């Protein structure tokens, strides 16, 4: 929810309320589909994984929030994110959004690859799918905005 609070308002301001709601729901749907495909793939490849893995519900909005992060990255590539850094003391450092969100995405991708081998309880592939959907819809919106400016 912190990520939605930090990044969501800017994306909503860019899209507008109605389009933001539609985008958020579409990103959540894409995230869910990607997670389902990843779970089915991992169960098919690893026959030793118990079938109860498919019985675990996937509940939450993290895939849709990841979509907001992807759209933010496309719409505000030069923005800086105030980040707590622990190095002896607690520092608040402005980090470029490209690095902050890039690090977050690589983290999700590494754990997503691990989730294909082990039954993890976090929907990392939903995060990856939602982020990719956000990149896609953000790029479309950015392209439309540039055409209007010309």
N, C-alpha and C. Protein backbone atom coordinates (compact mmCIF):
# COMPACT_ATOMS: atom_id res chain seq x y z
N UNK A 1 0.82 -1.19 0.00
CA UNK A 1 0.00 0.00 0.00
C UNK A 1 0.86 1.26 0.00
N UNK A 2 2.05 1.16 0.59
CA UNK A 2 2.95 2.31 0.58
C UNK A 2 3.33 2.66 -0.85
N UNK A 3 3.60 1.64 -1.67
CA UNK A 3 3.97 1.89 -3.07
C UNK A 3 2.79 2.53 -3.82
N UNK A 4 1.57 2.09 -3.54
CA UNK A 4 0.40 2.69 -4.18
C UNK A 4 0.26 4.15 -3.74
N UNK A 5 0.53 4.43 -2.48
CA UNK A 5 0.45 5.79 -1.97
C UNK A 5 1.51 6.69 -2.61
N UNK A 6 2.72 6.17 -2.73
CA UNK A 6 3.82 6.98 -3.26
C UNK A 6 3.68 7.22 -4.76
N UNK A 7 3.37 6.18 -5.52
CA UNK A 7 3.41 6.26 -6.98
C UNK A 7 2.02 6.46 -7.61
N UNK A 8 0.97 6.01 -6.94
CA UNK A 8 -0.36 5.98 -7.54
C UNK A 8 -0.96 7.33 -7.85
N UNK A 9 -0.76 8.30 -6.98
CA UNK A 9 -1.40 9.60 -7.21
C UNK A 9 -0.89 10.29 -8.47
N UNK A 10 0.41 10.15 -8.75
CA UNK A 10 0.95 10.77 -9.97
C UNK A 10 0.41 10.11 -11.22
N UNK A 11 0.33 8.79 -11.20
CA UNK A 11 -0.20 8.07 -12.36
C UNK A 11 -1.67 8.41 -12.54
N UNK A 12 -2.41 8.49 -11.44
CA UNK A 12 -3.83 8.85 -11.54
C UNK A 12 -4.01 10.27 -12.08
N UNK A 13 -3.16 11.19 -11.66
CA UNK A 13 -3.22 12.55 -12.19
C UNK A 13 -3.00 12.57 -13.70
N UNK A 14 -2.11 11.72 -14.18
CA UNK A 14 -1.81 11.67 -15.61
C UNK A 14 -2.95 11.04 -16.40
N UNK A 15 -3.48 9.91 -15.90
CA UNK A 15 -4.53 9.19 -16.62
C UNK A 15 -5.91 9.82 -16.46
N UNK A 16 -6.17 10.42 -15.31
CA UNK A 16 -7.52 10.85 -14.98
C UNK A 16 -8.18 9.73 -14.17
N UNK A 17 -9.22 10.08 -13.41
CA UNK A 17 -9.82 9.12 -12.48
C UNK A 17 -10.39 7.88 -13.17
N UNK A 18 -11.20 8.08 -14.17
CA UNK A 18 -11.85 6.95 -14.85
C UNK A 18 -10.87 6.04 -15.57
N UNK A 19 -9.96 6.64 -16.31
CA UNK A 19 -8.96 5.84 -17.04
C UNK A 19 -8.02 5.13 -16.08
N UNK A 20 -7.72 5.78 -14.96
CA UNK A 20 -6.85 5.16 -13.96
C UNK A 20 -7.51 3.92 -13.38
N UNK A 21 -8.80 3.99 -13.08
CA UNK A 21 -9.52 2.83 -12.56
C UNK A 21 -9.51 1.70 -13.58
N UNK A 22 -9.78 2.02 -14.84
CA UNK A 22 -9.76 1.00 -15.90
C UNK A 22 -8.35 0.41 -16.04
N UNK A 23 -7.34 1.25 -16.05
CA UNK A 23 -5.95 0.78 -16.13
C UNK A 23 -5.61 -0.13 -14.96
N UNK A 24 -5.98 0.27 -13.75
CA UNK A 24 -5.68 -0.50 -12.55
C UNK A 24 -6.31 -1.88 -12.63
N UNK A 25 -7.57 -1.94 -13.04
CA UNK A 25 -8.26 -3.23 -13.16
C UNK A 25 -7.64 -4.09 -14.25
N UNK A 26 -7.30 -3.50 -15.40
CA UNK A 26 -6.66 -4.27 -16.48
C UNK A 26 -5.29 -4.80 -16.06
N UNK A 27 -4.52 -3.98 -15.36
CA UNK A 27 -3.21 -4.43 -14.87
C UNK A 27 -3.39 -5.60 -13.90
N UNK A 28 -4.40 -5.54 -13.07
CA UNK A 28 -4.68 -6.64 -12.14
C UNK A 28 -5.08 -7.91 -12.86
N UNK A 29 -5.85 -7.78 -13.92
CA UNK A 29 -6.26 -8.96 -14.70
C UNK A 29 -5.05 -9.58 -15.40
N UNK A 30 -4.23 -8.75 -16.03
CA UNK A 30 -3.02 -9.26 -16.69
C UNK A 30 -2.12 -9.94 -15.66
N UNK A 31 -1.96 -9.33 -14.50
CA UNK A 31 -1.13 -9.92 -13.45
C UNK A 31 -1.65 -11.29 -13.04
N UNK A 32 -2.96 -11.42 -12.89
CA UNK A 32 -3.54 -12.70 -12.49
C UNK A 32 -3.34 -13.76 -13.56
N UNK A 33 -3.51 -13.39 -14.82
CA UNK A 33 -3.32 -14.35 -15.91
C UNK A 33 -1.87 -14.83 -15.96
N UNK A 34 -0.92 -13.92 -15.82
CA UNK A 34 0.49 -14.29 -15.84
C UNK A 34 0.81 -15.21 -14.66
N UNK A 35 0.26 -14.93 -13.49
CA UNK A 35 0.49 -15.78 -12.32
C UNK A 35 -0.09 -17.18 -12.54
N UNK A 36 -1.27 -17.27 -13.10
CA UNK A 36 -1.89 -18.57 -13.37
C UNK A 36 -1.03 -19.38 -14.34
N UNK A 37 -0.56 -18.73 -15.39
CA UNK A 37 0.30 -19.42 -16.38
C UNK A 37 1.58 -19.91 -15.71
N UNK A 38 2.18 -19.09 -14.86
CA UNK A 38 3.43 -19.48 -14.19
C UNK A 38 3.20 -20.65 -13.24
N UNK A 39 2.10 -20.64 -12.51
CA UNK A 39 1.82 -21.75 -11.59
C UNK A 39 1.56 -23.03 -12.37
N UNK A 40 0.79 -22.94 -13.44
CA UNK A 40 0.54 -24.14 -14.25
C UNK A 40 1.82 -24.67 -14.86
N UNK A 41 2.70 -23.78 -15.31
CA UNK A 41 3.98 -24.20 -15.87
C UNK A 41 4.83 -24.89 -14.81
N UNK A 42 4.93 -24.29 -13.64
CA UNK A 42 5.78 -24.88 -12.60
C UNK A 42 5.25 -26.22 -12.12
N UNK A 43 3.95 -26.40 -12.06
CA UNK A 43 3.38 -27.68 -11.65
C UNK A 43 3.60 -28.72 -12.73
N UNK A 44 3.49 -28.32 -14.00
CA UNK A 44 3.70 -29.26 -15.10
C UNK A 44 5.16 -29.70 -15.18
N UNK A 45 6.07 -28.75 -15.02
CA UNK A 45 7.49 -29.08 -15.12
C UNK A 45 7.95 -29.90 -13.92
N UNK A 46 7.51 -29.52 -12.76
CA UNK A 46 7.92 -30.20 -11.53
C UNK A 46 6.80 -31.12 -11.06
N UNK A 47 6.83 -32.33 -11.49
CA UNK A 47 5.77 -33.26 -11.13
C UNK A 47 5.77 -33.57 -9.64
N UNK A 48 6.87 -33.27 -8.96
CA UNK A 48 6.95 -33.56 -7.53
C UNK A 48 6.18 -32.53 -6.69
N UNK A 49 5.81 -31.41 -7.30
CA UNK A 49 5.07 -30.39 -6.56
C UNK A 49 3.67 -30.90 -6.29
N UNK A 50 3.21 -30.86 -5.06
CA UNK A 50 1.88 -31.38 -4.77
C UNK A 50 0.80 -30.56 -5.48
N UNK A 51 -0.27 -31.23 -5.83
CA UNK A 51 -1.35 -30.54 -6.54
C UNK A 51 -2.05 -29.51 -5.66
N UNK A 52 -1.81 -29.56 -4.35
CA UNK A 52 -2.44 -28.58 -3.47
C UNK A 52 -1.94 -27.16 -3.76
N UNK A 53 -0.83 -27.02 -4.47
CA UNK A 53 -0.32 -25.70 -4.83
C UNK A 53 -1.37 -24.97 -5.66
N UNK A 54 -2.09 -25.70 -6.49
CA UNK A 54 -3.14 -25.08 -7.30
C UNK A 54 -4.35 -24.68 -6.48
N UNK A 55 -4.49 -25.25 -5.29
CA UNK A 55 -5.65 -24.96 -4.44
C UNK A 55 -5.49 -23.69 -3.62
N UNK A 56 -4.30 -23.12 -3.59
CA UNK A 56 -4.05 -21.92 -2.80
C UNK A 56 -4.58 -20.71 -3.57
N UNK A 57 -5.51 -19.96 -2.97
CA UNK A 57 -6.04 -18.79 -3.69
C UNK A 57 -5.00 -17.68 -3.77
N UNK A 58 -5.10 -16.91 -4.79
CA UNK A 58 -4.22 -15.76 -4.97
C UNK A 58 -5.07 -14.52 -4.75
N UNK A 59 -4.92 -13.93 -3.58
CA UNK A 59 -5.75 -12.80 -3.20
C UNK A 59 -4.85 -11.60 -2.95
N UNK A 60 -5.23 -10.48 -3.50
CA UNK A 60 -4.48 -9.26 -3.25
C UNK A 60 -4.45 -8.35 -4.46
N UNK A 61 -3.90 -7.19 -4.24
CA UNK A 61 -3.84 -6.18 -5.29
C UNK A 61 -2.42 -5.90 -5.72
N UNK A 62 -1.47 -6.72 -5.31
CA UNK A 62 -0.07 -6.41 -5.58
C UNK A 62 0.25 -6.41 -7.07
N UNK A 63 -0.40 -7.24 -7.85
CA UNK A 63 -0.17 -7.23 -9.30
C UNK A 63 -0.63 -5.94 -9.93
N UNK A 64 -1.78 -5.43 -9.50
CA UNK A 64 -2.29 -4.16 -10.03
C UNK A 64 -1.41 -3.00 -9.57
N UNK A 65 -0.93 -3.07 -8.34
CA UNK A 65 -0.03 -2.03 -7.84
C UNK A 65 1.29 -2.06 -8.61
N UNK A 66 1.75 -3.26 -8.95
CA UNK A 66 2.95 -3.37 -9.77
C UNK A 66 2.72 -2.72 -11.14
N UNK A 67 1.50 -2.80 -11.65
CA UNK A 67 1.16 -2.11 -12.89
C UNK A 67 1.31 -0.61 -12.75
N UNK A 68 0.92 -0.08 -11.61
CA UNK A 68 1.09 1.35 -11.34
C UNK A 68 2.58 1.71 -11.34
N UNK A 69 3.41 0.83 -10.78
CA UNK A 69 4.85 1.09 -10.77
C UNK A 69 5.42 1.11 -12.18
N UNK A 70 4.97 0.18 -13.02
CA UNK A 70 5.44 0.15 -14.40
C UNK A 70 5.04 1.40 -15.16
N UNK A 71 3.79 1.84 -14.98
CA UNK A 71 3.33 3.06 -15.64
C UNK A 71 4.11 4.28 -15.14
N UNK A 72 4.38 4.31 -13.85
CA UNK A 72 5.15 5.43 -13.28
C UNK A 72 6.53 5.50 -13.92
N UNK A 73 7.15 4.36 -14.10
CA UNK A 73 8.48 4.32 -14.68
C UNK A 73 8.49 4.91 -16.09
N UNK A 74 7.46 4.63 -16.86
CA UNK A 74 7.38 5.15 -18.23
C UNK A 74 7.00 6.63 -18.24
N UNK A 75 6.07 7.01 -17.37
CA UNK A 75 5.55 8.38 -17.39
C UNK A 75 6.48 9.38 -16.70
N UNK A 76 7.22 8.93 -15.71
CA UNK A 76 8.10 9.83 -14.93
C UNK A 76 9.51 9.24 -14.83
N UNK A 77 10.21 9.06 -15.93
CA UNK A 77 11.52 8.41 -15.89
C UNK A 77 12.60 9.22 -15.17
N UNK A 78 12.43 10.53 -15.08
CA UNK A 78 13.45 11.37 -14.44
C UNK A 78 13.13 11.69 -12.98
N UNK A 79 12.03 11.18 -12.47
CA UNK A 79 11.64 11.47 -11.09
C UNK A 79 12.61 10.83 -10.11
N UNK A 80 12.63 11.38 -8.91
CA UNK A 80 13.47 10.84 -7.84
C UNK A 80 12.55 10.40 -6.70
N UNK A 81 12.93 9.31 -6.05
CA UNK A 81 12.15 8.74 -4.96
C UNK A 81 12.95 8.88 -3.68
N UNK A 82 12.36 9.53 -2.67
CA UNK A 82 13.04 9.64 -1.38
C UNK A 82 13.04 8.27 -0.71
N UNK A 83 14.22 7.77 -0.37
CA UNK A 83 14.37 6.40 0.11
C UNK A 83 15.18 6.39 1.40
N UNK A 84 14.74 5.57 2.36
CA UNK A 84 15.51 5.39 3.59
C UNK A 84 16.67 4.45 3.30
N UNK A 85 17.86 4.87 3.67
CA UNK A 85 19.06 4.05 3.50
C UNK A 85 19.72 3.90 4.87
N UNK A 86 20.01 2.66 5.23
CA UNK A 86 20.63 2.38 6.53
C UNK A 86 22.12 2.11 6.30
N UNK A 87 22.96 3.07 6.64
CA UNK A 87 24.41 2.93 6.54
C UNK A 87 25.02 3.54 7.80
N UNK A 88 24.97 2.80 8.89
CA UNK A 88 25.43 3.35 10.16
C UNK A 88 24.37 4.25 10.77
N UNK A 89 23.94 5.21 10.01
CA UNK A 89 22.86 6.11 10.38
C UNK A 89 21.72 5.89 9.40
N UNK A 90 20.60 6.50 9.68
CA UNK A 90 19.47 6.44 8.76
C UNK A 90 19.52 7.70 7.91
N UNK A 91 19.64 7.52 6.61
CA UNK A 91 19.70 8.62 5.66
C UNK A 91 18.47 8.58 4.78
N UNK A 92 18.01 9.75 4.38
CA UNK A 92 16.96 9.85 3.37
C UNK A 92 17.62 10.36 2.10
N UNK A 93 17.64 9.50 1.09
CA UNK A 93 18.39 9.78 -0.13
C UNK A 93 17.43 9.80 -1.32
N UNK A 94 17.50 10.83 -2.17
CA UNK A 94 16.70 10.81 -3.40
C UNK A 94 17.36 9.90 -4.44
N UNK A 95 16.67 8.83 -4.78
CA UNK A 95 17.18 7.86 -5.75
C UNK A 95 16.36 7.99 -7.03
N UNK A 96 16.99 7.99 -8.20
CA UNK A 96 16.21 8.04 -9.45
C UNK A 96 15.22 6.87 -9.52
N UNK A 97 14.01 7.19 -9.96
CA UNK A 97 12.96 6.17 -10.04
C UNK A 97 13.38 5.01 -10.92
N UNK A 98 14.18 5.27 -11.94
CA UNK A 98 14.65 4.20 -12.83
C UNK A 98 15.44 3.16 -12.02
N UNK A 99 16.31 3.61 -11.13
CA UNK A 99 17.10 2.68 -10.32
C UNK A 99 16.24 2.00 -9.26
N UNK A 100 15.42 2.79 -8.58
CA UNK A 100 14.57 2.25 -7.52
C UNK A 100 13.64 1.18 -8.07
N UNK A 101 12.89 1.50 -9.12
CA UNK A 101 11.94 0.54 -9.69
C UNK A 101 12.64 -0.57 -10.47
N UNK A 102 13.78 -0.25 -11.07
CA UNK A 102 14.56 -1.28 -11.75
C UNK A 102 15.06 -2.33 -10.77
N UNK A 103 15.57 -1.88 -9.62
CA UNK A 103 16.01 -2.81 -8.59
C UNK A 103 14.84 -3.66 -8.11
N UNK A 104 13.69 -3.02 -7.87
CA UNK A 104 12.50 -3.75 -7.42
C UNK A 104 12.10 -4.81 -8.45
N UNK A 105 12.12 -4.47 -9.73
CA UNK A 105 11.72 -5.41 -10.76
C UNK A 105 12.70 -6.58 -10.86
N UNK A 106 13.99 -6.31 -10.80
CA UNK A 106 14.99 -7.39 -10.85
C UNK A 106 14.81 -8.33 -9.66
N UNK A 107 14.52 -7.78 -8.50
CA UNK A 107 14.25 -8.58 -7.30
C UNK A 107 13.05 -9.50 -7.55
N UNK A 108 11.97 -8.96 -8.12
CA UNK A 108 10.79 -9.76 -8.41
C UNK A 108 11.11 -10.84 -9.45
N UNK A 109 11.89 -10.49 -10.44
CA UNK A 109 12.24 -11.44 -11.50
C UNK A 109 13.07 -12.59 -10.96
N UNK A 110 14.04 -12.31 -10.11
CA UNK A 110 14.88 -13.36 -9.53
C UNK A 110 14.04 -14.31 -8.67
N UNK A 111 13.20 -13.75 -7.85
CA UNK A 111 12.34 -14.61 -7.03
C UNK A 111 11.28 -15.31 -7.87
N UNK A 112 10.85 -14.69 -8.94
CA UNK A 112 9.91 -15.34 -9.85
C UNK A 112 10.52 -16.57 -10.50
N UNK A 113 11.80 -16.47 -10.88
CA UNK A 113 12.49 -17.64 -11.44
C UNK A 113 12.61 -18.74 -10.38
N UNK A 114 12.87 -18.35 -9.16
CA UNK A 114 12.95 -19.32 -8.08
C UNK A 114 11.58 -19.97 -7.83
N UNK A 115 10.52 -19.19 -7.98
CA UNK A 115 9.17 -19.71 -7.76
C UNK A 115 8.79 -20.75 -8.80
N UNK A 116 9.45 -20.75 -9.95
CA UNK A 116 9.18 -21.80 -10.94
C UNK A 116 9.75 -23.13 -10.48
N UNK A 117 10.74 -23.09 -9.60
CA UNK A 117 11.38 -24.30 -9.11
C UNK A 117 10.84 -24.75 -7.75
N UNK A 118 10.42 -23.81 -6.94
CA UNK A 118 9.93 -24.10 -5.59
C UNK A 118 8.55 -23.49 -5.41
N UNK A 119 7.69 -24.15 -4.68
CA UNK A 119 6.36 -23.56 -4.43
C UNK A 119 6.43 -22.45 -3.39
N UNK A 120 6.59 -21.20 -3.83
CA UNK A 120 6.62 -20.05 -2.94
C UNK A 120 5.21 -19.51 -2.77
N UNK A 121 4.97 -18.83 -1.68
CA UNK A 121 3.62 -18.34 -1.40
C UNK A 121 3.40 -16.90 -1.79
N UNK A 122 4.34 -16.30 -2.47
CA UNK A 122 4.19 -14.93 -2.95
C UNK A 122 4.02 -14.99 -4.46
N UNK A 123 3.10 -14.21 -4.97
CA UNK A 123 2.79 -14.23 -6.40
C UNK A 123 3.74 -13.32 -7.17
N UNK A 124 4.99 -13.74 -7.24
CA UNK A 124 6.00 -12.92 -7.92
C UNK A 124 5.68 -12.73 -9.40
N UNK A 125 5.13 -13.75 -10.04
CA UNK A 125 4.80 -13.61 -11.46
C UNK A 125 3.63 -12.66 -11.68
N UNK A 126 2.78 -12.51 -10.69
CA UNK A 126 1.73 -11.49 -10.78
C UNK A 126 2.36 -10.11 -10.76
N UNK A 127 3.38 -9.93 -9.93
CA UNK A 127 4.09 -8.65 -9.89
C UNK A 127 4.76 -8.36 -11.23
N UNK A 128 5.40 -9.37 -11.79
CA UNK A 128 6.09 -9.21 -13.07
C UNK A 128 5.08 -8.90 -14.18
N UNK A 129 3.98 -9.64 -14.22
CA UNK A 129 2.95 -9.40 -15.24
C UNK A 129 2.30 -8.05 -15.10
N UNK A 130 2.00 -7.64 -13.86
CA UNK A 130 1.42 -6.32 -13.64
C UNK A 130 2.36 -5.20 -14.03
N UNK A 131 3.63 -5.35 -13.69
CA UNK A 131 4.64 -4.35 -14.06
C UNK A 131 4.74 -4.22 -15.57
N UNK A 132 4.77 -5.36 -16.27
CA UNK A 132 4.84 -5.34 -17.74
C UNK A 132 3.59 -4.68 -18.33
N UNK A 133 2.43 -4.97 -17.75
CA UNK A 133 1.20 -4.32 -18.22
C UNK A 133 1.27 -2.82 -18.00
N UNK A 134 1.81 -2.40 -16.86
CA UNK A 134 1.97 -0.97 -16.59
C UNK A 134 2.92 -0.30 -17.56
N UNK A 135 4.02 -0.97 -17.88
CA UNK A 135 4.94 -0.43 -18.89
C UNK A 135 4.23 -0.26 -20.22
N UNK A 136 3.46 -1.27 -20.61
CA UNK A 136 2.75 -1.25 -21.89
C UNK A 136 1.71 -0.12 -21.94
N UNK A 137 0.83 -0.08 -20.95
CA UNK A 137 -0.23 0.94 -20.95
C UNK A 137 0.35 2.34 -20.73
N UNK A 138 1.39 2.45 -19.93
CA UNK A 138 2.05 3.74 -19.74
C UNK A 138 2.68 4.25 -21.02
N UNK A 139 3.30 3.34 -21.79
CA UNK A 139 3.91 3.73 -23.07
C UNK A 139 2.84 4.16 -24.06
N UNK A 140 1.72 3.46 -24.08
CA UNK A 140 0.62 3.87 -24.97
C UNK A 140 0.12 5.26 -24.59
N UNK A 141 -0.10 5.48 -23.30
CA UNK A 141 -0.60 6.78 -22.86
C UNK A 141 0.41 7.89 -23.13
N UNK A 142 1.67 7.60 -22.92
CA UNK A 142 2.71 8.61 -23.18
C UNK A 142 2.76 8.96 -24.66
N UNK A 143 2.62 7.96 -25.53
CA UNK A 143 2.59 8.19 -26.96
C UNK A 143 1.39 9.03 -27.37
N UNK A 144 0.24 8.75 -26.78
CA UNK A 144 -0.96 9.55 -27.08
C UNK A 144 -0.79 10.99 -26.63
N UNK A 145 -0.18 11.16 -25.48
CA UNK A 145 0.01 12.52 -24.94
C UNK A 145 0.96 13.31 -25.82
N UNK A 146 2.01 12.66 -26.32
CA UNK A 146 2.96 13.36 -27.20
C UNK A 146 2.31 13.76 -28.51
N UNK A 147 1.45 12.90 -29.06
CA UNK A 147 0.77 13.25 -30.31
C UNK A 147 -0.13 14.46 -30.12
N UNK A 148 -0.80 14.55 -28.95
CA UNK A 148 -1.65 15.68 -28.69
C UNK A 148 -0.85 16.97 -28.54
N UNK A 149 0.37 16.85 -28.00
CA UNK A 149 1.21 18.04 -27.81
C UNK A 149 1.73 18.58 -29.14
N UNK A 150 1.86 17.72 -30.13
CA UNK A 150 2.34 18.17 -31.44
C UNK A 150 1.21 18.85 -32.13
